[in-house]
Amino acid sequence: MSEQVNHKQLVVFTLGGEHYALPIQVVNEIIRYTEPRSVASRTDWVRGVISLRGRIVPVYDVAARLGLSSELTEQSKIVIVEAGAETAGVIVDSVEEVLTVSDSQVEDAPGADSAMIEAIVRIDERLIVLLTLGAIFAESGEFSMAA
């Protein structure tokens, strides 16, 4: 009897020169970067809001949230993520690919903030950080997305 192999599809993007990913199930769409309209926020990584087909969507700077430096370029994108009724945009440097990985490629991230980082995905010599979406927004108090 063979062991069942589970696969996950991940949207891989770059932040500050490193590779990160989110499960494809939480990614609704990827749009070109447009400057969000500023809103008052006590949280410095909340960049503002955009109008997306008539809906007001908060936009977050994930690089700032993770303590990374990144610059807006022609490749910058806003990844629109959803869980339940909550929708938000996260700014990324570029979207690289959609990958299908097996459980054997997904490992715990020792020493990492386990609330924000779900795992490390190893693909040959590449290491991709799999983020926990709900935890990224947990401190903002404005976005209570369940993981």
C-alpha atoms as a PDB file:
ATOM      1  CA  MET A   1       0.000   0.000   0.000  1.00  0.00           C
ATOM      2  CA  SER A   2       1.549   3.294  -1.043  1.00  0.00           C
ATOM      3  CA  GLU A   3       1.581   6.399   1.103  1.00  0.00           C
ATOM      4  CA  GLN A   4      -0.627   9.229  -0.136  1.00  0.00           C
ATOM      5  CA  VAL A   5       1.298  12.363  -1.078  1.00  0.00           C
ATOM      6  CA  ASN A   6      -0.449  15.652  -0.414  1.00  0.00           C
ATOM      7  CA  HIS A   7       0.285  18.615  -2.654  1.00  0.00           C
ATOM      8  CA  LYS A   8      -0.116  22.332  -2.071  1.00  0.00           C
ATOM      9  CA  GLN A   9      -0.225  25.079  -4.648  1.00  0.00           C
ATOM     10  CA  LEU A  10       1.622  28.225  -3.644  1.00  0.00           C
ATOM     11  CA  VAL A  11       1.849  31.691  -5.151  1.00  0.00           C
ATOM     12  CA  VAL A  12       5.548  32.614  -4.935  1.00  0.00           C
ATOM     13  CA  PHE A  13       6.598  36.271  -4.764  1.00  0.00           C
ATOM     14  CA  THR A  14       9.649  38.290  -3.828  1.00  0.00           C
ATOM     15  CA  LEU A  15      10.124  40.744  -0.979  1.00  0.00           C
ATOM     16  CA  GLY A  16      13.494  42.394  -0.440  1.00  0.00           C
ATOM     17  CA  GLY A  17      15.227  39.880  -2.707  1.00  0.00           C
ATOM     18  CA  GLU A  18      13.901  36.801  -0.873  1.00  0.00           C
ATOM     19  CA  HIS A  19      11.215  34.336  -1.949  1.00  0.00           C
ATOM     20  CA  TYR A  20       7.963  34.095  -0.009  1.00  0.00           C
ATOM     21  CA  ALA A  21       4.696  32.302  -0.703  1.00  0.00           C
ATOM     22  CA  LEU A  22       1.039  32.166   0.214  1.00  0.00           C
ATOM     23  CA  PRO A  23      -1.333  29.248  -0.370  1.00  0.00           C
ATOM     24  CA  ILE A  24      -3.167  29.742  -3.664  1.00  0.00           C
ATOM     25  CA  GLN A  25      -6.520  29.290  -1.885  1.00  0.00           C
ATOM     26  CA  VAL A  26      -6.196  32.699  -0.193  1.00  0.00           C
ATOM     27  CA  VAL A  27      -5.074  34.548  -3.348  1.00  0.00           C
ATOM     28  CA  ASN A  28      -7.999  36.045  -5.215  1.00  0.00           C
ATOM     29  CA  GLU A  29      -6.090  37.946  -7.894  1.00  0.00           C
ATOM     30  CA  ILE A  30      -2.886  39.820  -8.657  1.00  0.00           C
ATOM     31  CA  ILE A  31      -3.051  43.394  -9.917  1.00  0.00           C
ATOM     32  CA  ARG A  32      -0.545  46.018 -11.031  1.00  0.00           C
ATOM     33  CA  TYR A  33       0.651  48.245  -8.229  1.00  0.00           C
ATOM     34  CA  THR A  34      -1.306  51.466  -7.885  1.00  0.00           C
ATOM     35  CA  GLU A  35      -0.619  53.954  -5.125  1.00  0.00           C
ATOM     36  CA  PRO A  36      -3.135  53.401  -2.307  1.00  0.00           C
ATOM     37  CA  ARG A  37      -5.060  56.358  -0.933  1.00  0.00           C
ATOM     38  CA  SER A  38      -3.623  57.152   2.478  1.00  0.00           C
ATOM     39  CA  VAL A  39      -5.735  56.557   5.549  1.00  0.00           C
ATOM     40  CA  ALA A  40      -4.993  57.357   9.161  1.00  0.00           C
ATOM     41  CA  SER A  41      -3.548  54.290  10.877  1.00  0.00           C
ATOM     42  CA  ARG A  42      -1.504  53.633  13.989  1.00  0.00           C
ATOM     43  CA  THR A  43       0.196  50.811  12.094  1.00  0.00           C
ATOM     44  CA  ASP A  44       3.053  51.937   9.834  1.00  0.00           C
ATOM     45  CA  TRP A  45       2.727  49.017   7.406  1.00  0.00           C
ATOM     46  CA  VAL A  46      -0.875  49.898   6.509  1.00  0.00           C
ATOM     47  CA  ARG A  47      -0.380  51.761   3.227  1.00  0.00           C
ATOM     48  CA  GLY A  48      -3.967  52.867   2.628  1.00  0.00           C
ATOM     49  CA  VAL A  49      -6.912  51.720   0.538  1.00  0.00           C
ATOM     50  CA  ILE A  50      -7.689  51.103  -3.118  1.00  0.00           C
ATOM     51  CA  SER A  51     -10.984  50.824  -4.948  1.00  0.00           C
ATOM     52  CA  LEU A  52     -11.283  47.417  -6.581  1.00  0.00           C
ATOM     53  CA  ARG A  53     -14.390  47.095  -8.754  1.00  0.00           C
ATOM     54  CA  GLY A  54     -16.361  49.283  -6.365  1.00  0.00           C
ATOM     55  CA  ARG A  55     -15.044  47.717  -3.139  1.00  0.00           C
ATOM     56  CA  ILE A  56     -12.728  49.576  -0.773  1.00  0.00           C
ATOM     57  CA  VAL A  57      -9.784  47.256  -0.037  1.00  0.00           C
ATOM     58  CA  PRO A  58      -7.082  47.936   2.600  1.00  0.00           C
ATOM     59  CA  VAL A  59      -3.492  47.606   1.332  1.00  0.00           C
ATOM     60  CA  TYR A  60      -0.618  46.392   3.509  1.00  0.00           C
ATOM     61  CA  ASP A  61       3.146  46.553   3.038  1.00  0.00           C
ATOM     62  CA  VAL A  62       4.212  43.009   3.944  1.00  0.00           C
ATOM     63  CA  ALA A  63       7.926  43.833   3.552  1.00  0.00           C
ATOM     64  CA  ALA A  64       7.631  46.523   6.244  1.00  0.00           C
ATOM     65  CA  ARG A  65       5.637  44.113   8.418  1.00  0.00           C
ATOM     66  CA  LEU A  66       8.435  41.552   8.160  1.00  0.00           C
ATOM     67  CA  GLY A  67      11.164  44.158   8.726  1.00  0.00           C
ATOM     68  CA  LEU A  68      12.501  43.946   5.158  1.00  0.00           C
ATOM     69  CA  SER A  69      13.538  46.773   2.891  1.00  0.00           C
ATOM     70  CA  SER A  70      11.954  46.841  -0.523  1.00  0.00           C
ATOM     71  CA  GLU A  71      11.430  49.441  -3.212  1.00  0.00           C
ATOM     72  CA  LEU A  72       8.539  49.912  -5.574  1.00  0.00           C
ATOM     73  CA  THR A  73       9.455  49.067  -9.176  1.00  0.00           C
ATOM     74  CA  GLU A  74       7.709  48.342 -12.465  1.00  0.00           C
ATOM     75  CA  GLN A  75       7.380  44.724 -11.277  1.00  0.00           C
ATOM     76  CA  SER A  76       5.638  45.621  -7.988  1.00  0.00           C
ATOM     77  CA  LYS A  77       2.206  44.052  -7.604  1.00  0.00           C
ATOM     78  CA  ILE A  78      -0.679  44.025  -5.165  1.00  0.00           C
ATOM     79  CA  VAL A  79      -1.803  40.508  -4.319  1.00  0.00           C
ATOM     80  CA  ILE A  80      -5.490  40.522  -3.402  1.00  0.00           C
ATOM     81  CA  VAL A  81      -6.107  37.959  -0.672  1.00  0.00           C
ATOM     82  CA  GLU A  82      -9.388  36.710   0.746  1.00  0.00           C
ATOM     83  CA  ALA A  83     -10.619  34.567   3.579  1.00  0.00           C
ATOM     84  CA  GLY A  84     -14.310  34.501   4.240  1.00  0.00           C
ATOM     85  CA  ALA A  85     -15.743  37.993   3.868  1.00  0.00           C
ATOM     86  CA  GLU A  86     -12.386  39.730   4.445  1.00  0.00           C
ATOM     87  CA  THR A  87     -10.395  41.107   1.508  1.00  0.00           C
ATOM     88  CA  ALA A  88      -7.044  42.906   1.548  1.00  0.00           C
ATOM     89  CA  GLY A  89      -4.165  43.760  -0.745  1.00  0.00           C
ATOM     90  CA  VAL A  90      -0.537  43.028   0.046  1.00  0.00           C
ATOM     91  CA  ILE A  91       2.281  44.803  -1.769  1.00  0.00           C
ATOM     92  CA  VAL A  92       5.002  42.507  -3.145  1.00  0.00           C
ATOM     93  CA  ASP A  93       8.124  43.272  -5.176  1.00  0.00           C
ATOM     94  CA  SER A  94       7.153  40.821  -7.929  1.00  0.00           C
ATOM     95  CA  VAL A  95       5.115  37.675  -8.422  1.00  0.00           C
ATOM     96  CA  GLU A  96       7.337  34.837  -9.606  1.00  0.00           C
ATOM     97  CA  GLU A  97       5.227  31.725 -10.180  1.00  0.00           C
ATOM     98  CA  VAL A  98       2.632  29.278  -8.958  1.00  0.00           C
ATOM     99  CA  LEU A  99       4.304  26.154  -7.589  1.00  0.00           C
ATOM    100  CA  THR A 100       2.906  22.768  -6.662  1.00  0.00           C
ATOM    101  CA  VAL A 101       4.846  21.266  -3.750  1.00  0.00           C
ATOM    102  CA  SER A 102       4.502  18.016  -1.847  1.00  0.00           C
ATOM    103  CA  ASP A 103       4.390  17.689   1.935  1.00  0.00           C
ATOM    104  CA  SER A 104       7.934  16.301   1.869  1.00  0.00           C
ATOM    105  CA  GLN A 105       9.194  19.679   0.585  1.00  0.00           C
ATOM    106  CA  VAL A 106       7.526  21.611   3.434  1.00  0.00           C
ATOM    107  CA  GLU A 107       9.530  21.829   6.669  1.00  0.00           C
ATOM    108  CA  ASP A 108       9.212  23.627   9.988  1.00  0.00           C
ATOM    109  CA  ALA A 109      11.054  26.938  10.221  1.00  0.00           C
ATOM    110  CA  PRO A 110      13.277  26.646  13.316  1.00  0.00           C
ATOM    111  CA  GLY A 111      14.005  29.968  14.991  1.00  0.00           C
ATOM    112  CA  ALA A 112      11.366  31.789  12.960  1.00  0.00           C
ATOM    113  CA  ASP A 113       8.362  33.661  14.307  1.00  0.00           C
ATOM    114  CA  SER A 114       6.029  30.682  14.081  1.00  0.00           C
ATOM    115  CA  ALA A 115       2.963  32.911  14.235  1.00  0.00           C
ATOM    116  CA  MET A 116       3.904  34.644  10.964  1.00  0.00           C
ATOM    117  CA  ILE A 117       5.854  31.897   9.207  1.00  0.00           C
ATOM    118  CA  GLU A 118       4.027  28.637   8.626  1.00  0.00           C
ATOM    119  CA  ALA A 119       6.935  26.719   7.096  1.00  0.00           C
ATOM    120  CA  ILE A 120       9.947  26.689   4.800  1.00  0.00           C
ATOM    121  CA  VAL A 121       9.517  25.117   1.379  1.00  0.00           C
ATOM    122  CA  ARG A 122      12.683  23.514   0.001  1.00  0.00           C
ATOM    123  CA  ILE A 123      12.917  23.162  -3.771  1.00  0.00           C
ATOM    124  CA  ASP A 124      16.372  21.906  -4.708  1.00  0.00           C
ATOM    125  CA  GLU A 125      18.616  24.709  -3.403  1.00  0.00           C
ATOM    126  CA  ARG A 126      15.810  27.273  -3.109  1.00  0.00           C
ATOM    127  CA  LEU A 127      14.185  28.067   0.216  1.00  0.00           C
ATOM    128  CA  ILE A 128      10.778  29.734   0.099  1.00  0.00           C
ATOM    129  CA  VAL A 129       9.147  31.126   3.243  1.00  0.00           C
ATOM    130  CA  LEU A 130       5.477  30.144   3.496  1.00  0.00           C
ATOM    131  CA  LEU A 131       3.670  32.939   5.338  1.00  0.00           C
ATOM    132  CA  THR A 132       0.669  32.587   7.652  1.00  0.00           C
ATOM    133  CA  LEU A 133      -1.772  35.118   6.281  1.00  0.00           C
ATOM    134  CA  GLY A 134      -3.889  35.714   9.394  1.00  0.00           C
ATOM    135  CA  ALA A 135      -0.872  36.393  11.590  1.00  0.00           C
ATOM    136  CA  ILE A 136       0.539  38.999   9.220  1.00  0.00           C
ATOM    137  CA  PHE A 137      -2.525  41.163   9.791  1.00  0.00           C
ATOM    138  CA  ALA A 138      -3.178  40.230  13.421  1.00  0.00           C
ATOM    139  CA  GLU A 139      -1.623  43.352  14.979  1.00  0.00           C
ATOM    140  CA  SER A 140      -3.380  45.851  12.733  1.00  0.00           C
ATOM    141  CA  GLY A 141      -6.679  45.243  14.493  1.00  0.00           C
ATOM    142  CA  GLU A 142      -8.331  46.263  11.259  1.00  0.00           C
ATOM    143  CA  PHE A 143      -8.178  42.951   9.486  1.00  0.00           C
ATOM    144  CA  SER A 144      -9.197  39.859  11.425  1.00  0.00           C
ATOM    145  CA  MET A 145      -8.542  37.268   8.758  1.00  0.00           C
ATOM    146  CA  ALA A 146      -8.634  33.700  10.014  1.00  0.00           C
ATOM    147  CA  ALA A 147      -5.709  31.583   8.861  1.00  0.00           C
END
